[in-house]
Amino acid sequence: MATYTKLRDGSWGIRSTREVVPGMSVVVTKKGGEAKNERVARIIWTDGKVWLASIKPRAKGGGNAPRREDCRKYGWDGVHGSPSYYSSGQYDEDS
């Protein structure tokens, strides 16, 4: 069983009663009963019965980014300002 816990540095981490290792995906139960998947970044502390671990931050998606399928379709290499960005149709001079 894993739950969220506030770490000393102020960030959110997990407290688990099962062994966790860096890179491991863990199902974490929120107070309301909702379950979320988190990836362990590093182990902060353990006594062999409880593990405290930091979690890898989630990528922040800005809703305006082109989808990967569009990038492949138009040949964009994913780098804003690159020649393929302007020739791919992802760039709009009016915006």
Protein backbone atom coordinates (compact mmCIF):
# COMPACT_ATOMS: atom_id res chain seq x y z
CA MET A 1 0.00 0.00 0.00
CA ALA A 2 1.34 3.43 -0.94
CA THR A 3 0.01 6.87 -0.01
CA TYR A 4 1.13 10.43 -0.67
CA THR A 5 3.21 12.22 1.96
CA LYS A 6 4.75 15.68 2.19
CA LEU A 7 8.57 15.51 2.20
CA ARG A 8 10.91 17.76 4.19
CA ASP A 9 11.74 19.84 1.12
CA GLY A 10 8.03 20.62 0.66
CA SER A 11 7.48 18.39 -2.36
CA TRP A 12 5.11 15.43 -2.52
CA GLY A 13 6.45 11.91 -2.23
CA ILE A 14 5.13 8.48 -1.33
CA ARG A 15 5.09 6.35 1.80
CA SER A 16 4.93 2.64 1.03
CA THR A 17 4.68 -0.45 3.18
CA ARG A 18 6.06 -2.50 0.27
CA GLU A 19 9.61 -2.19 -0.99
CA VAL A 20 10.04 0.34 -3.79
CA VAL A 21 13.09 1.00 -5.96
CA PRO A 22 14.01 3.95 -8.21
CA GLY A 23 12.24 3.80 -11.57
CA MET A 24 9.47 1.58 -10.25
CA SER A 25 5.86 2.44 -11.08
CA VAL A 26 3.68 2.48 -7.97
CA VAL A 27 -0.09 2.75 -7.54
CA VAL A 28 -0.67 5.45 -4.92
CA THR A 29 -4.00 5.79 -3.12
CA LYS A 30 -5.24 9.29 -2.40
CA LYS A 31 -7.28 10.14 0.72
CA GLY A 32 -10.49 10.10 -1.30
CA GLY A 33 -9.78 6.55 -2.49
CA GLU A 34 -8.69 7.51 -6.02
CA ALA A 35 -5.63 5.61 -7.25
CA LYS A 36 -2.87 7.18 -9.39
CA ASN A 37 0.30 5.78 -10.93
CA GLU A 38 3.56 7.44 -9.90
CA ARG A 39 7.16 6.66 -10.77
CA VAL A 40 9.72 6.50 -7.94
CA ALA A 41 12.61 8.94 -8.40
CA ARG A 42 14.73 7.96 -5.38
CA ILE A 43 14.47 6.37 -1.97
CA ILE A 44 14.76 8.96 0.79
CA TRP A 45 14.49 6.72 3.84
CA THR A 46 13.63 3.16 4.84
CA ASP A 47 13.70 1.04 7.94
CA GLY A 48 12.89 -2.15 6.03
CA LYS A 49 9.17 -1.89 6.87
CA VAL A 50 8.32 1.55 5.46
CA TRP A 51 9.81 3.34 2.44
CA LEU A 52 9.73 7.09 1.82
CA ALA A 53 10.48 8.02 -1.75
CA SER A 54 10.41 11.06 -3.99
CA ILE A 55 8.39 10.82 -7.19
CA LYS A 56 9.32 11.90 -10.68
CA PRO A 57 7.51 15.09 -11.66
CA ARG A 58 4.89 14.78 -14.35
CA ALA A 59 5.40 16.59 -17.62
CA LYS A 60 3.34 19.74 -17.76
CA GLY A 61 1.42 19.78 -20.98
CA GLY A 62 0.35 23.07 -22.37
CA GLY A 63 -2.80 22.33 -24.36
CA ASN A 64 -1.50 24.16 -27.45
CA ALA A 65 1.41 21.85 -28.24
CA PRO A 66 1.02 19.90 -31.48
CA ARG A 67 0.28 16.22 -31.08
CA ARG A 68 3.03 13.74 -31.88
CA GLU A 69 0.99 12.33 -34.75
CA ASP A 70 0.83 15.78 -36.34
CA CYS A 71 4.57 16.23 -35.99
CA ARG A 72 5.22 12.93 -37.71
CA LYS A 73 2.64 13.67 -40.40
CA TYR A 74 4.20 17.02 -41.29
CA GLY A 75 7.83 16.04 -40.72
CA TRP A 76 8.55 18.40 -37.83
CA ASP A 77 11.57 17.41 -35.68
CA GLY A 78 9.97 18.87 -32.53
CA VAL A 79 12.30 21.86 -32.12
CA HIS A 80 10.63 25.29 -32.24
CA GLY A 81 12.53 27.56 -34.59
CA SER A 82 14.13 24.76 -36.61
CA PRO A 83 13.79 24.79 -40.41
CA SER A 84 11.44 21.80 -40.28
CA TYR A 85 9.22 23.69 -37.80
CA TYR A 86 8.51 26.46 -40.28
CA SER A 87 8.17 24.17 -43.29
CA SER A 88 5.95 21.66 -41.48
CA GLY A 89 2.87 23.85 -41.25
CA GLN A 90 3.02 23.89 -37.43
CA TYR A 91 4.07 27.54 -37.52
CA ASP A 92 1.42 30.13 -38.30
CA GLU A 93 2.69 33.62 -39.07
CA ASP A 94 -0.69 35.15 -38.18
CA SER A 95 -0.58 33.93 -34.57
